[in-house]
Amino acid sequence: MKTYSLEELTDNYIGKKGTQKRDEFENELRLDLLGQAIRHARQEKNLTQEELGELVGVKKSQISKIENSTTDARFTTVLKVFKALGAKVHFNVELNNQTIAY
């Protein structure tokens, strides 16, 4: 029985890196992971979605949508969520193989 790496399976079923379908898949995956991180941090702080929403200034439904990746939340809202959770956020931006912001 032949085994395949995750990269090989992703290439075969989603598309090779650089294709539109693969880029969309990876972007969706990143948003899902972000939502899971927010949910985990909120639960660690013993906060409900409603309580976190009150700290951020949004409704419970917005927190739910962010956690479940069902909305393209505003960047400022996501930053407010992490601030309310006491999380440190780090960004790396690369353009043409050069780091331009971090």
N, C-alpha and C. Protein backbone atom coordinates (compact mmCIF):
# COMPACT_ATOMS: atom_id res chain seq x y z
N MET A 1 0.84 -1.17 0.00
CA MET A 1 0.00 0.00 0.00
C MET A 1 0.89 1.25 0.00
N LYS A 2 0.65 2.13 -0.92
CA LYS A 2 1.42 3.36 -1.03
C LYS A 2 0.84 4.42 -0.10
N THR A 3 1.70 5.14 0.56
CA THR A 3 1.26 6.23 1.41
C THR A 3 1.56 7.56 0.72
N TYR A 4 0.75 8.54 1.02
CA TYR A 4 0.88 9.86 0.42
C TYR A 4 1.03 10.90 1.52
N SER A 5 1.81 11.90 1.24
CA SER A 5 1.95 13.01 2.19
C SER A 5 0.72 13.91 2.08
N LEU A 6 0.52 14.72 3.11
CA LEU A 6 -0.58 15.68 3.08
C LEU A 6 -0.42 16.62 1.89
N GLU A 7 0.81 17.03 1.63
CA GLU A 7 1.09 17.94 0.50
C GLU A 7 0.66 17.30 -0.82
N GLU A 8 0.99 16.02 -1.01
CA GLU A 8 0.61 15.32 -2.24
C GLU A 8 -0.91 15.23 -2.38
N LEU A 9 -1.58 14.89 -1.29
CA LEU A 9 -3.04 14.80 -1.33
C LEU A 9 -3.68 16.16 -1.62
N THR A 10 -3.15 17.18 -0.97
CA THR A 10 -3.69 18.52 -1.21
C THR A 10 -3.47 18.95 -2.65
N ASP A 11 -2.28 18.69 -3.19
CA ASP A 11 -2.00 19.00 -4.59
C ASP A 11 -2.98 18.28 -5.51
N ASN A 12 -3.24 17.01 -5.22
CA ASN A 12 -4.11 16.20 -6.10
C ASN A 12 -5.57 16.58 -6.01
N TYR A 13 -6.06 16.87 -4.80
CA TYR A 13 -7.49 17.08 -4.63
C TYR A 13 -7.91 18.55 -4.58
N ILE A 14 -7.01 19.42 -4.19
CA ILE A 14 -7.34 20.84 -4.10
C ILE A 14 -6.70 21.61 -5.24
N GLY A 15 -5.45 21.32 -5.52
CA GLY A 15 -4.71 21.99 -6.58
C GLY A 15 -3.33 22.35 -6.09
N LYS A 16 -2.46 22.59 -7.01
CA LYS A 16 -1.08 22.92 -6.67
C LYS A 16 -1.01 24.34 -6.11
N LYS A 17 0.06 24.59 -5.32
CA LYS A 17 0.27 25.92 -4.75
C LYS A 17 0.33 26.94 -5.89
N GLY A 18 -0.29 28.08 -5.65
CA GLY A 18 -0.30 29.15 -6.64
C GLY A 18 -1.55 29.15 -7.51
N THR A 19 -2.34 28.06 -7.47
CA THR A 19 -3.58 28.05 -8.24
C THR A 19 -4.66 28.75 -7.43
N GLN A 20 -5.66 29.27 -8.12
CA GLN A 20 -6.72 30.00 -7.44
C GLN A 20 -7.45 29.11 -6.44
N LYS A 21 -7.75 27.89 -6.82
CA LYS A 21 -8.47 26.99 -5.92
C LYS A 21 -7.66 26.70 -4.65
N ARG A 22 -6.36 26.50 -4.80
CA ARG A 22 -5.51 26.22 -3.64
C ARG A 22 -5.40 27.46 -2.75
N ASP A 23 -5.24 28.64 -3.37
CA ASP A 23 -5.16 29.88 -2.59
C ASP A 23 -6.44 30.10 -1.78
N GLU A 24 -7.60 29.85 -2.40
CA GLU A 24 -8.87 30.01 -1.71
C GLU A 24 -8.99 29.02 -0.55
N PHE A 25 -8.56 27.78 -0.80
CA PHE A 25 -8.58 26.74 0.24
C PHE A 25 -7.71 27.14 1.42
N GLU A 26 -6.48 27.59 1.16
CA GLU A 26 -5.56 27.95 2.23
C GLU A 26 -6.05 29.17 3.00
N ASN A 27 -6.66 30.13 2.30
CA ASN A 27 -7.22 31.31 2.97
C ASN A 27 -8.36 30.90 3.89
N GLU A 28 -9.24 30.03 3.42
CA GLU A 28 -10.35 29.55 4.22
C GLU A 28 -9.84 28.77 5.44
N LEU A 29 -8.79 27.99 5.24
CA LEU A 29 -8.20 27.24 6.34
C LEU A 29 -7.62 28.18 7.40
N ARG A 30 -6.94 29.23 6.97
CA ARG A 30 -6.39 30.20 7.91
C ARG A 30 -7.49 30.87 8.73
N LEU A 31 -8.60 31.24 8.07
CA LEU A 31 -9.71 31.86 8.78
C LEU A 31 -10.33 30.90 9.77
N ASP A 32 -10.42 29.63 9.39
CA ASP A 32 -10.97 28.62 10.30
C ASP A 32 -10.07 28.46 11.52
N LEU A 33 -8.77 28.42 11.31
CA LEU A 33 -7.83 28.29 12.43
C LEU A 33 -7.88 29.51 13.34
N LEU A 34 -8.04 30.68 12.75
CA LEU A 34 -8.17 31.91 13.52
C LEU A 34 -9.42 31.86 14.40
N GLY A 35 -10.53 31.43 13.81
CA GLY A 35 -11.77 31.30 14.57
C GLY A 35 -11.65 30.31 15.71
N GLN A 36 -10.98 29.19 15.46
CA GLN A 36 -10.77 28.20 16.51
C GLN A 36 -9.89 28.76 17.63
N ALA A 37 -8.88 29.53 17.27
CA ALA A 37 -8.00 30.14 18.28
C ALA A 37 -8.78 31.11 19.15
N ILE A 38 -9.65 31.88 18.54
CA ILE A 38 -10.47 32.83 19.30
C ILE A 38 -11.40 32.08 20.24
N ARG A 39 -12.06 31.03 19.74
CA ARG A 39 -12.97 30.25 20.59
C ARG A 39 -12.21 29.64 21.78
N HIS A 40 -11.06 29.06 21.48
CA HIS A 40 -10.27 28.43 22.54
C HIS A 40 -9.86 29.46 23.60
N ALA A 41 -9.38 30.62 23.17
CA ALA A 41 -8.95 31.65 24.10
C ALA A 41 -10.14 32.17 24.92
N ARG A 42 -11.28 32.32 24.27
CA ARG A 42 -12.48 32.79 24.98
C ARG A 42 -12.89 31.79 26.05
N GLN A 43 -12.88 30.52 25.70
CA GLN A 43 -13.25 29.49 26.66
C GLN A 43 -12.25 29.39 27.81
N GLU A 44 -10.97 29.59 27.50
CA GLU A 44 -9.94 29.58 28.55
C GLU A 44 -10.17 30.71 29.55
N LYS A 45 -10.72 31.83 29.08
CA LYS A 45 -11.01 32.97 29.95
C LYS A 45 -12.39 32.85 30.60
N ASN A 46 -13.07 31.72 30.32
CA ASN A 46 -14.41 31.48 30.87
C ASN A 46 -15.40 32.58 30.50
N LEU A 47 -15.32 33.03 29.26
CA LEU A 47 -16.24 34.05 28.76
C LEU A 47 -17.24 33.41 27.80
N THR A 48 -18.46 33.91 27.83
CA THR A 48 -19.44 33.51 26.83
C THR A 48 -19.22 34.38 25.59
N GLN A 49 -19.84 33.98 24.50
CA GLN A 49 -19.75 34.82 23.30
C GLN A 49 -20.38 36.18 23.56
N GLU A 50 -21.45 36.19 24.32
CA GLU A 50 -22.12 37.45 24.64
C GLU A 50 -21.21 38.36 25.47
N GLU A 51 -20.53 37.79 26.47
CA GLU A 51 -19.63 38.59 27.30
C GLU A 51 -18.46 39.14 26.49
N LEU A 52 -17.90 38.32 25.62
CA LEU A 52 -16.80 38.79 24.77
C LEU A 52 -17.30 39.88 23.83
N GLY A 53 -18.48 39.69 23.29
CA GLY A 53 -19.07 40.70 22.41
C GLY A 53 -19.23 42.04 23.12
N GLU A 54 -19.65 42.00 24.37
CA GLU A 54 -19.80 43.23 25.15
C GLU A 54 -18.46 43.92 25.36
N LEU A 55 -17.40 43.14 25.61
CA LEU A 55 -16.06 43.72 25.79
C LEU A 55 -15.56 44.37 24.50
N VAL A 56 -15.94 43.79 23.37
CA VAL A 56 -15.45 44.26 22.08
C VAL A 56 -16.35 45.35 21.50
N GLY A 57 -17.62 45.33 21.89
CA GLY A 57 -18.58 46.30 21.35
C GLY A 57 -19.33 45.77 20.14
N VAL A 58 -19.49 44.44 20.08
CA VAL A 58 -20.27 43.82 19.00
C VAL A 58 -21.26 42.86 19.63
N LYS A 59 -22.19 42.39 18.82
CA LYS A 59 -23.20 41.45 19.31
C LYS A 59 -22.64 40.03 19.37
N LYS A 60 -23.29 39.21 20.18
CA LYS A 60 -22.92 37.80 20.32
C LYS A 60 -22.85 37.11 18.96
N SER A 61 -23.78 37.44 18.08
CA SER A 61 -23.83 36.79 16.76
C SER A 61 -22.55 37.07 15.96
N GLN A 62 -21.96 38.24 16.14
CA GLN A 62 -20.72 38.56 15.42
C GLN A 62 -19.57 37.70 15.94
N ILE A 63 -19.50 37.49 17.24
CA ILE A 63 -18.47 36.62 17.82
C ILE A 63 -18.66 35.20 17.29
N SER A 64 -19.89 34.75 17.25
CA SER A 64 -20.18 33.41 16.74
C SER A 64 -19.74 33.27 15.28
N LYS A 65 -20.03 34.27 14.49
CA LYS A 65 -19.65 34.23 13.07
C LYS A 65 -18.13 34.21 12.91
N ILE A 66 -17.42 34.97 13.74
CA ILE A 66 -15.96 34.97 13.67
C ILE A 66 -15.41 33.60 14.06
N GLU A 67 -15.93 33.05 15.14
CA GLU A 67 -15.46 31.75 15.61
C GLU A 67 -15.74 30.63 14.60
N ASN A 68 -16.84 30.75 13.88
CA ASN A 68 -17.24 29.72 12.93
C ASN A 68 -16.84 30.04 11.49
N SER A 69 -16.08 31.11 11.32
CA SER A 69 -15.58 31.51 10.00
C SER A 69 -16.70 31.68 8.97
N THR A 70 -17.82 32.22 9.42
CA THR A 70 -18.93 32.42 8.50
C THR A 70 -19.07 33.87 8.05
N THR A 71 -18.08 34.68 8.38
CA THR A 71 -18.11 36.08 7.97
C THR A 71 -16.69 36.56 7.74
N ASP A 72 -16.55 37.55 6.93
CA ASP A 72 -15.26 38.22 6.79
C ASP A 72 -15.30 39.42 7.74
N ALA A 73 -14.90 39.16 8.96
CA ALA A 73 -14.93 40.20 9.98
C ALA A 73 -13.94 41.30 9.66
N ARG A 74 -14.24 42.49 10.10
CA ARG A 74 -13.31 43.60 9.92
C ARG A 74 -12.05 43.31 10.72
N PHE A 75 -10.95 43.71 10.15
CA PHE A 75 -9.65 43.50 10.77
C PHE A 75 -9.61 44.14 12.15
N THR A 76 -10.18 45.33 12.27
CA THR A 76 -10.18 46.03 13.55
C THR A 76 -10.98 45.26 14.59
N THR A 77 -12.06 44.60 14.17
CA THR A 77 -12.86 43.81 15.10
C THR A 77 -12.06 42.63 15.62
N VAL A 78 -11.35 41.94 14.74
CA VAL A 78 -10.54 40.80 15.15
C VAL A 78 -9.45 41.25 16.12
N LEU A 79 -8.83 42.40 15.85
CA LEU A 79 -7.81 42.92 16.76
C LEU A 79 -8.42 43.26 18.12
N LYS A 80 -9.63 43.82 18.13
CA LYS A 80 -10.31 44.13 19.39
C LYS A 80 -10.62 42.85 20.17
N VAL A 81 -11.00 41.80 19.45
CA VAL A 81 -11.28 40.52 20.10
C VAL A 81 -10.03 40.01 20.80
N PHE A 82 -8.91 40.00 20.08
CA PHE A 82 -7.68 39.52 20.69
C PHE A 82 -7.24 40.40 21.86
N LYS A 83 -7.44 41.70 21.74
CA LYS A 83 -7.08 42.60 22.85
C LYS A 83 -7.93 42.30 24.07
N ALA A 84 -9.23 42.09 23.85
CA ALA A 84 -10.13 41.78 24.96
C ALA A 84 -9.76 40.46 25.62
N LEU A 85 -9.18 39.55 24.84
CA LEU A 85 -8.77 38.25 25.38
C LEU A 85 -7.37 38.30 26.00
N GLY A 86 -6.72 39.46 25.88
CA GLY A 86 -5.38 39.61 26.43
C GLY A 86 -4.32 38.87 25.62
N ALA A 87 -4.58 38.70 24.34
CA ALA A 87 -3.65 37.97 23.48
C ALA A 87 -2.68 38.91 22.78
N LYS A 88 -1.46 38.45 22.60
CA LYS A 88 -0.49 39.18 21.80
C LYS A 88 -0.63 38.73 20.35
N VAL A 89 -0.60 39.67 19.44
CA VAL A 89 -0.76 39.36 18.02
C VAL A 89 0.50 39.79 17.29
N HIS A 90 1.03 38.89 16.48
CA HIS A 90 2.22 39.17 15.67
C HIS A 90 1.89 38.92 14.21
N PHE A 91 2.34 39.79 13.33
CA PHE A 91 2.11 39.63 11.91
C PHE A 91 3.42 39.63 11.16
N ASN A 92 3.46 38.84 10.13
CA ASN A 92 4.58 38.87 9.19
C ASN A 92 4.01 39.14 7.82
N VAL A 93 4.54 40.12 7.14
CA VAL A 93 4.12 40.42 5.78
C VAL A 93 5.34 40.30 4.89
N GLU A 94 5.23 39.46 3.88
CA GLU A 94 6.32 39.28 2.93
C GLU A 94 5.84 39.68 1.54
N LEU A 95 6.68 40.36 0.84
CA LEU A 95 6.39 40.75 -0.54
C LEU A 95 7.67 40.55 -1.33
N ASN A 96 7.58 39.78 -2.38
CA ASN A 96 8.75 39.46 -3.20
C ASN A 96 9.89 38.89 -2.36
N ASN A 97 9.53 37.97 -1.47
CA ASN A 97 10.48 37.27 -0.60
C ASN A 97 11.21 38.20 0.37
N GLN A 98 10.65 39.36 0.63
CA GLN A 98 11.23 40.28 1.60
C GLN A 98 10.19 40.61 2.66
N THR A 99 10.62 40.60 3.91
CA THR A 99 9.72 40.99 4.99
C THR A 99 9.58 42.50 4.96
N ILE A 100 8.34 42.98 4.87
CA ILE A 100 8.12 44.42 4.80
C ILE A 100 7.45 44.95 6.06
N ALA A 101 6.84 44.06 6.85
CA ALA A 101 6.22 44.49 8.10
C ALA A 101 6.10 43.29 9.02
N TYR A 102 6.23 43.58 10.30
CA TYR A 102 6.07 42.52 11.30
C TYR A 102 5.73 43.10 12.64
